[in-house]
Amino acid sequence: RVSKLVIKMKNSSMSAGLLKSLNFASPDFGEVVRGIVNKAQSPSAILQTGIRNLNAILGPGFRGGKLYTILGMSGKFKSGTLLNIADQITKFNPCLEKVVDGRRNTLLFITMENSIDETVERLYNMYADPTDDFLRASPDDVLTVLRDKGHFCFDNDMADGISIELRYYSNMEITTNEIYRIVDDMEANGMHCIGVILDYIKRINSVYPSNGDETLRVTYVAKELKTIALHYDIPVITAQQINRMGNAVVDSAMRDGKQDLIRFVGNSDIGGAWGVIEEADWVAIINLERHVKTGRTYLTIKRTKNRCGQCDV
């Protein structure tokens, strides 16, 4: 499969037709229910990844109208995980048509943690050989890796696959209300937004004043992201740091030589606000760990909340 990476820096009316009322005695009742069922069973209703175990605990992928939150320690691959999820979604949803009503299916990735330059470098490093150095590679070398190994096509508008729209904003530069404008802008410019990934929840502002109370602000943001997911009937995926206590628990377990460290951390170790957990439909804690015997680094994922449907595990 060939995907297309679209990188733009520009300003941003789409509505997924959020159903707000249903009368069981209405003559349209049967038609409305059929529409609900058909939408839920549509191939575009669930976005899967190429990671079988992740799909299993998602049950079986990212669903429209849901808020997904990944928790992790500082510097422990939260941004990398979100970028990897975006990359996986572009490649493992062959049932999605490349264009819907003249608009290409596109995943919106808002980064407020890393610049677009840094994000492109990370994408290159995901596919380049371990010995390849981005700082020594020529532009053509980078394009070859992204096109041939990453399967991102930059110069063929008719290529199959899902695009990624990267948007960078500095810390607290925008509010959640800006996401509506971005999505509407995408629709006006030939892109159909199928999901939003925000890196990460602590760096975006709420439309409601919190008077400097970060816990309240992050809670508001979580509520607003959930509303965006419902409004457009798309998944919204974000991340948040666990607090110092959670970091201390993992550090202590590491010093004791224990493995699968993430099992010692729970929802109570989230930083910022419990409201993030309350508003999210699905929550998982991640951690990068090194296997004692093999020395290989691997990512552990512990799901701590799920109201997105049946899961395989």
Protein backbone atom coordinates (compact mmCIF):
# COMPACT_ATOMS: atom_id res chain seq x y z
CA ARG A 1 0.00 0.00 0.00
CA VAL A 2 1.09 3.54 -0.73
CA SER A 3 0.25 6.40 1.60
CA LYS A 4 0.71 10.11 1.19
CA LEU A 5 2.22 12.43 3.75
CA VAL A 6 0.96 16.00 3.52
CA ILE A 7 2.83 18.58 5.57
CA LYS A 8 1.29 22.06 5.67
CA MET A 9 1.36 25.13 7.88
CA LYS A 10 -1.81 27.13 7.23
CA ASN A 11 -5.13 28.23 8.75
CA SER A 12 -8.39 26.08 8.87
CA SER A 13 -17.51 23.10 7.68
CA MET A 14 -17.80 19.64 8.31
CA SER A 15 -20.22 17.92 10.60
CA ALA A 16 -20.60 14.18 10.79
CA GLY A 17 -24.29 14.65 11.48
CA LEU A 18 -24.26 13.92 15.20
CA LEU A 19 -27.62 12.41 16.13
CA LYS A 20 -29.13 14.43 18.98
CA SER A 21 -32.64 13.02 19.23
CA LEU A 22 -34.54 9.81 18.55
CA ASN A 23 -38.27 9.21 19.04
CA PHE A 24 -39.18 5.54 19.12
CA ALA A 25 -42.70 6.36 17.91
CA SER A 26 -41.46 8.40 14.96
CA PRO A 27 -42.17 7.16 11.42
CA ASP A 28 -38.43 7.57 10.79
CA PHE A 29 -37.46 5.29 13.70
CA GLY A 30 -36.61 2.29 11.53
CA GLU A 31 -34.62 4.33 9.04
CA VAL A 32 -32.65 6.03 11.81
CA VAL A 33 -31.79 2.73 13.50
CA ARG A 34 -30.68 1.25 10.18
CA GLY A 35 -28.42 4.27 9.71
CA ILE A 36 -26.92 3.79 13.17
CA VAL A 37 -26.21 0.12 12.50
CA ASN A 38 -24.80 0.72 9.03
CA LYS A 39 -22.52 3.47 10.35
CA ALA A 40 -21.25 1.28 13.19
CA GLN A 41 -20.54 -1.59 10.80
CA SER A 42 -18.91 0.53 8.10
CA PRO A 43 -15.24 -0.27 7.36
CA SER A 44 -14.45 3.37 8.10
CA ALA A 45 -15.98 3.16 11.59
CA ILE A 46 -12.91 1.45 13.08
CA LEU A 47 -9.29 2.43 12.46
CA GLN A 48 -6.88 -0.41 13.10
CA THR A 49 -3.13 -0.56 13.53
CA GLY A 50 -0.65 -3.18 12.41
CA ILE A 51 -0.03 -4.19 16.04
CA ARG A 52 -2.23 -7.22 16.74
CA ASN A 53 -2.12 -6.98 20.53
CA LEU A 54 -2.92 -3.26 20.45
CA ASN A 55 -5.91 -3.91 18.19
CA ALA A 56 -7.03 -6.60 20.63
CA ILE A 57 -7.09 -4.28 23.64
CA LEU A 58 -8.70 -1.54 21.54
CA GLY A 59 -11.47 -3.93 20.58
CA PRO A 60 -10.58 -4.05 17.66
CA GLY A 61 -9.47 -0.50 16.76
CA PHE A 62 -10.03 3.22 17.25
CA ARG A 63 -13.75 4.07 17.05
CA GLY A 64 -15.48 7.28 16.06
CA GLY A 65 -16.86 9.44 18.84
CA LYS A 66 -14.35 8.10 21.38
CA LEU A 67 -11.53 9.76 23.32
CA TYR A 68 -8.37 7.67 23.75
CA THR A 69 -5.72 8.68 26.27
CA ILE A 70 -2.23 7.23 26.58
CA LEU A 71 -0.43 7.78 29.87
CA GLY A 72 3.33 7.62 30.22
CA MET A 73 6.31 8.89 32.15
CA SER A 74 8.29 11.93 31.10
CA GLY A 75 10.53 11.14 28.13
CA LYS A 76 9.21 7.60 27.80
CA PHE A 77 7.97 7.52 24.19
CA LYS A 78 4.51 9.15 24.48
CA SER A 79 5.14 11.30 21.41
CA GLY A 80 6.77 8.38 19.63
CA THR A 81 3.79 6.16 20.37
CA LEU A 82 1.32 8.75 19.03
CA LEU A 83 3.38 9.17 15.86
CA ASN A 84 3.67 5.41 15.45
CA ILE A 85 -0.12 5.07 15.83
CA ALA A 86 -0.64 7.71 13.13
CA ASP A 87 1.77 5.90 10.82
CA GLN A 88 0.11 2.56 11.52
CA ILE A 89 -3.37 3.91 10.78
CA THR A 90 -2.24 5.11 7.34
CA LYS A 91 -1.08 1.64 6.40
CA PHE A 92 -3.41 -0.92 7.95
CA ASN A 93 -6.89 0.19 6.90
CA PRO A 94 -7.15 -1.06 3.31
CA CYS A 95 -10.96 -1.06 3.45
CA LEU A 96 -10.99 2.73 3.51
CA GLU A 97 -11.41 4.38 0.14
CA LYS A 98 -8.66 6.84 -0.71
CA VAL A 99 -11.16 9.59 -1.59
CA VAL A 100 -14.65 10.26 -0.19
CA ASP A 101 -16.83 12.85 -1.97
CA GLY A 102 -13.74 14.27 -3.65
CA ARG A 103 -11.76 14.50 -0.41
CA ARG A 104 -8.81 12.31 0.55
CA ASN A 105 -9.09 10.48 3.87
CA THR A 106 -6.66 12.27 6.16
CA LEU A 107 -5.50 11.88 9.74
CA LEU A 108 -4.93 15.18 11.56
CA PHE A 109 -1.80 15.12 13.75
CA ILE A 110 -1.44 18.20 15.95
CA THR A 111 1.99 18.37 17.54
CA MET A 112 2.64 20.82 20.36
CA GLU A 113 5.56 18.82 21.73
CA ASN A 114 7.89 18.47 18.72
CA SER A 115 8.28 20.70 15.69
CA ILE A 116 7.36 19.48 12.21
CA ASP A 117 11.09 19.27 11.41
CA GLU A 118 11.60 16.99 14.42
CA THR A 119 8.52 14.94 13.51
CA VAL A 120 9.75 14.31 9.96
CA GLU A 121 13.14 13.29 11.38
CA ARG A 122 11.39 10.84 13.68
CA LEU A 123 9.46 9.37 10.77
CA TYR A 124 12.72 8.93 8.88
CA ASN A 125 14.35 7.21 11.85
CA MET A 126 11.39 4.83 12.11
CA TYR A 127 12.19 3.42 8.66
CA ALA A 128 15.88 4.08 8.08
CA ASP A 129 18.55 1.52 8.91
CA PRO A 130 19.96 1.88 12.44
CA THR A 131 23.28 3.02 10.98
CA ASP A 132 21.68 5.78 8.88
CA ASP A 133 22.09 9.30 10.22
CA PHE A 134 19.45 11.91 9.38
CA LEU A 135 22.01 14.72 9.79
CA ARG A 136 24.29 13.09 7.20
CA ALA A 137 21.62 11.97 4.75
CA SER A 138 20.90 13.94 1.58
CA PRO A 139 17.34 15.20 0.94
CA ASP A 140 16.99 12.57 -1.79
CA ASP A 141 18.11 9.86 0.64
CA VAL A 142 15.47 10.96 3.15
CA LEU A 143 12.76 11.06 0.48
CA THR A 144 13.76 7.59 -0.72
CA VAL A 145 13.46 6.14 2.79
CA LEU A 146 10.09 7.78 3.41
CA ARG A 147 8.77 6.80 -0.03
CA ASP A 148 10.19 3.29 -0.43
CA LYS A 149 10.35 2.06 3.17
CA GLY A 150 7.74 4.23 4.83
CA HIS A 151 5.41 3.99 1.80
CA PHE A 152 4.67 7.71 1.85
CA CYS A 153 4.08 9.06 -1.62
CA PHE A 154 4.72 12.77 -2.05
CA ASP A 155 4.19 13.31 -5.75
CA ASN A 156 1.20 11.21 -6.83
CA ASP A 157 -2.21 12.62 -5.97
CA MET A 158 -3.88 9.44 -7.20
CA ALA A 159 -1.93 7.16 -4.85
CA ASP A 160 -3.91 4.90 -2.55
CA GLY A 161 -3.84 5.35 1.18
CA ILE A 162 -4.51 7.74 4.01
CA SER A 163 -2.74 11.08 4.32
CA ILE A 164 -1.38 12.75 7.44
CA GLU A 165 -1.89 16.46 7.97
CA LEU A 166 0.75 17.73 10.39
CA ARG A 167 0.08 20.95 12.28
CA TYR A 168 2.50 22.47 14.79
CA TYR A 169 1.58 24.94 17.52
CA SER A 170 3.69 26.06 20.44
CA ASN A 171 2.74 25.35 24.03
CA MET A 172 -0.66 26.91 24.90
CA GLU A 173 -0.77 28.74 21.56
CA ILE A 174 -4.27 27.52 20.71
CA THR A 175 -7.44 26.35 22.44
CA THR A 176 -9.41 23.23 21.66
CA ASN A 177 -11.82 25.42 19.69
CA GLU A 178 -9.11 25.80 17.05
CA ILE A 179 -9.43 22.11 16.20
CA TYR A 180 -12.89 22.74 14.75
CA ARG A 181 -11.45 25.41 12.46
CA ILE A 182 -8.59 23.15 11.39
CA VAL A 183 -10.90 20.26 10.53
CA ASP A 184 -13.28 22.55 8.64
CA ASP A 185 -10.31 24.02 6.78
CA MET A 186 -9.19 20.53 5.82
CA GLU A 187 -12.62 19.74 4.42
CA ALA A 188 -12.53 22.92 2.35
CA ASN A 189 -9.14 21.92 0.94
CA GLY A 190 -9.82 18.38 -0.25
CA MET A 191 -9.20 16.43 2.94
CA HIS A 192 -11.71 14.32 4.87
CA CYS A 193 -10.61 14.13 8.51
CA ILE A 194 -10.93 10.57 9.85
CA GLY A 195 -9.27 11.13 13.22
CA VAL A 196 -7.35 13.60 15.39
CA ILE A 197 -4.13 12.88 17.27
CA LEU A 198 -3.01 15.54 19.75
CA ASP A 199 0.50 15.56 21.22
CA TYR A 200 -0.37 16.24 23.95
CA ILE A 201 -3.30 17.20 26.21
CA LYS A 202 -1.37 19.35 28.69
CA ARG A 203 -0.09 21.72 26.00
CA ILE A 204 -3.43 22.91 24.58
CA ASN A 205 -5.64 25.49 26.26
CA SER A 206 -9.32 25.24 27.14
CA VAL A 207 -11.97 27.60 25.86
CA TYR A 208 -13.08 28.05 29.48
CA PRO A 209 -11.09 30.14 31.98
CA SER A 210 -9.39 28.11 34.70
CA ASN A 211 -7.78 31.03 36.57
CA GLY A 212 -4.39 29.37 36.55
CA ASP A 213 -5.66 26.06 37.93
CA GLU A 214 -3.93 23.47 35.73
CA THR A 215 -5.99 20.58 37.08
CA LEU A 216 -9.20 22.38 36.12
CA ARG A 217 -7.82 23.40 32.72
CA VAL A 218 -6.77 19.88 31.76
CA THR A 219 -10.15 18.55 32.89
CA TYR A 220 -11.89 21.10 30.65
CA VAL A 221 -9.62 20.14 27.75
CA ALA A 222 -10.50 16.45 28.15
CA LYS A 223 -14.22 17.28 28.07
CA GLU A 224 -13.76 19.43 24.97
CA LEU A 225 -11.75 16.76 23.13
CA LYS A 226 -14.52 14.27 23.84
CA THR A 227 -17.04 16.73 22.39
CA ILE A 228 -14.92 17.08 19.24
CA ALA A 229 -14.85 13.28 18.86
CA LEU A 230 -18.63 13.18 19.13
CA HIS A 231 -19.20 16.18 16.86
CA TYR A 232 -17.25 14.73 13.95
CA ASP A 233 -17.81 11.06 14.86
CA ILE A 234 -14.06 10.41 14.75
CA PRO A 235 -11.55 9.07 17.28
CA VAL A 236 -9.48 11.64 19.17
CA ILE A 237 -6.21 10.22 20.50
CA THR A 238 -4.00 12.07 22.97
CA ALA A 239 -1.49 11.54 25.77
CA GLN A 240 -0.78 12.72 29.30
CA GLN A 241 2.04 12.29 31.79
CA ILE A 242 1.73 10.23 34.93
CA ASN A 243 2.65 12.08 38.10
CA ARG A 244 5.78 12.00 40.26
CA MET A 245 4.38 9.22 42.42
CA GLY A 246 3.92 7.02 39.35
CA ASN A 247 7.46 7.76 38.21
CA ALA A 248 8.75 6.93 41.69
CA VAL A 249 6.90 3.60 41.71
CA VAL A 250 8.45 2.57 38.39
CA ASP A 251 11.92 3.78 39.41
CA SER A 252 11.71 1.77 42.62
CA ALA A 253 10.64 -1.39 40.77
CA MET A 254 13.47 -0.88 38.30
CA ARG A 255 16.04 -0.61 41.09
CA ASP A 256 14.70 -3.87 42.49
CA GLY A 257 15.37 -5.56 39.15
CA LYS A 258 11.71 -6.19 38.37
CA GLN A 259 10.30 -6.48 34.87
CA ASP A 260 6.97 -5.51 33.33
CA LEU A 261 7.25 -2.36 35.41
CA ILE A 262 4.06 -0.82 34.13
CA ARG A 263 1.95 -3.29 36.13
CA PHE A 264 2.85 -1.32 39.26
CA VAL A 265 1.23 1.87 37.94
CA GLY A 266 -2.49 2.66 37.93
CA ASN A 267 -4.95 5.41 37.04
CA SER A 268 -4.27 7.16 40.32
CA ASP A 269 -0.80 8.01 39.04
CA ILE A 270 -2.02 10.33 36.28
CA GLY A 271 -0.67 13.84 36.40
CA GLY A 272 -2.80 16.93 36.06
CA ALA A 273 -6.37 15.82 36.57
CA TRP A 274 -8.53 12.83 37.32
CA GLY A 275 -10.97 14.41 34.89
CA VAL A 276 -8.81 13.12 32.03
CA ILE A 277 -9.56 9.57 33.15
CA GLU A 278 -13.23 10.31 33.69
CA GLU A 279 -13.73 11.79 30.22
CA ALA A 280 -11.64 9.29 28.27
CA ASP A 281 -13.36 6.23 26.81
CA TRP A 282 -10.14 4.23 26.71
CA VAL A 283 -6.98 4.65 28.77
CA ALA A 284 -3.67 2.81 28.69
CA ILE A 285 -0.33 3.31 30.42
CA ILE A 286 2.83 2.76 28.38
CA ASN A 287 6.48 2.33 29.30
CA LEU A 288 9.71 1.57 27.47
CA GLU A 289 11.50 -1.35 29.10
CA ARG A 290 14.61 -3.38 28.42
CA HIS A 291 14.50 -7.18 28.55
CA VAL A 292 17.06 -8.45 31.06
CA LYS A 293 18.14 -11.50 29.04
CA THR A 294 18.04 -10.20 25.47
CA GLY A 295 18.79 -6.52 26.11
CA ARG A 296 16.09 -5.58 23.60
CA THR A 297 13.91 -2.55 24.28
CA TYR A 298 10.16 -3.08 24.07
CA LEU A 299 7.00 -1.11 24.74
CA THR A 300 4.61 -2.36 27.41
CA ILE A 301 0.95 -1.32 27.27
CA LYS A 302 -1.42 -1.70 30.20
CA ARG A 303 -5.07 -0.89 29.49
CA THR A 304 -6.73 0.62 32.57
CA LYS A 305 -10.10 1.72 31.20
CA ASN A 306 -12.32 0.66 28.32
CA ARG A 307 -15.84 1.66 27.37
CA CYS A 308 -15.32 1.35 23.62
CA GLY A 309 -16.87 -2.06 23.14
CA GLN A 310 -15.84 -5.69 23.39
CA CYS A 311 -12.14 -6.51 23.41
CA ASP A 312 -10.35 -9.71 22.55
CA VAL A 313 -8.28 -9.59 25.75
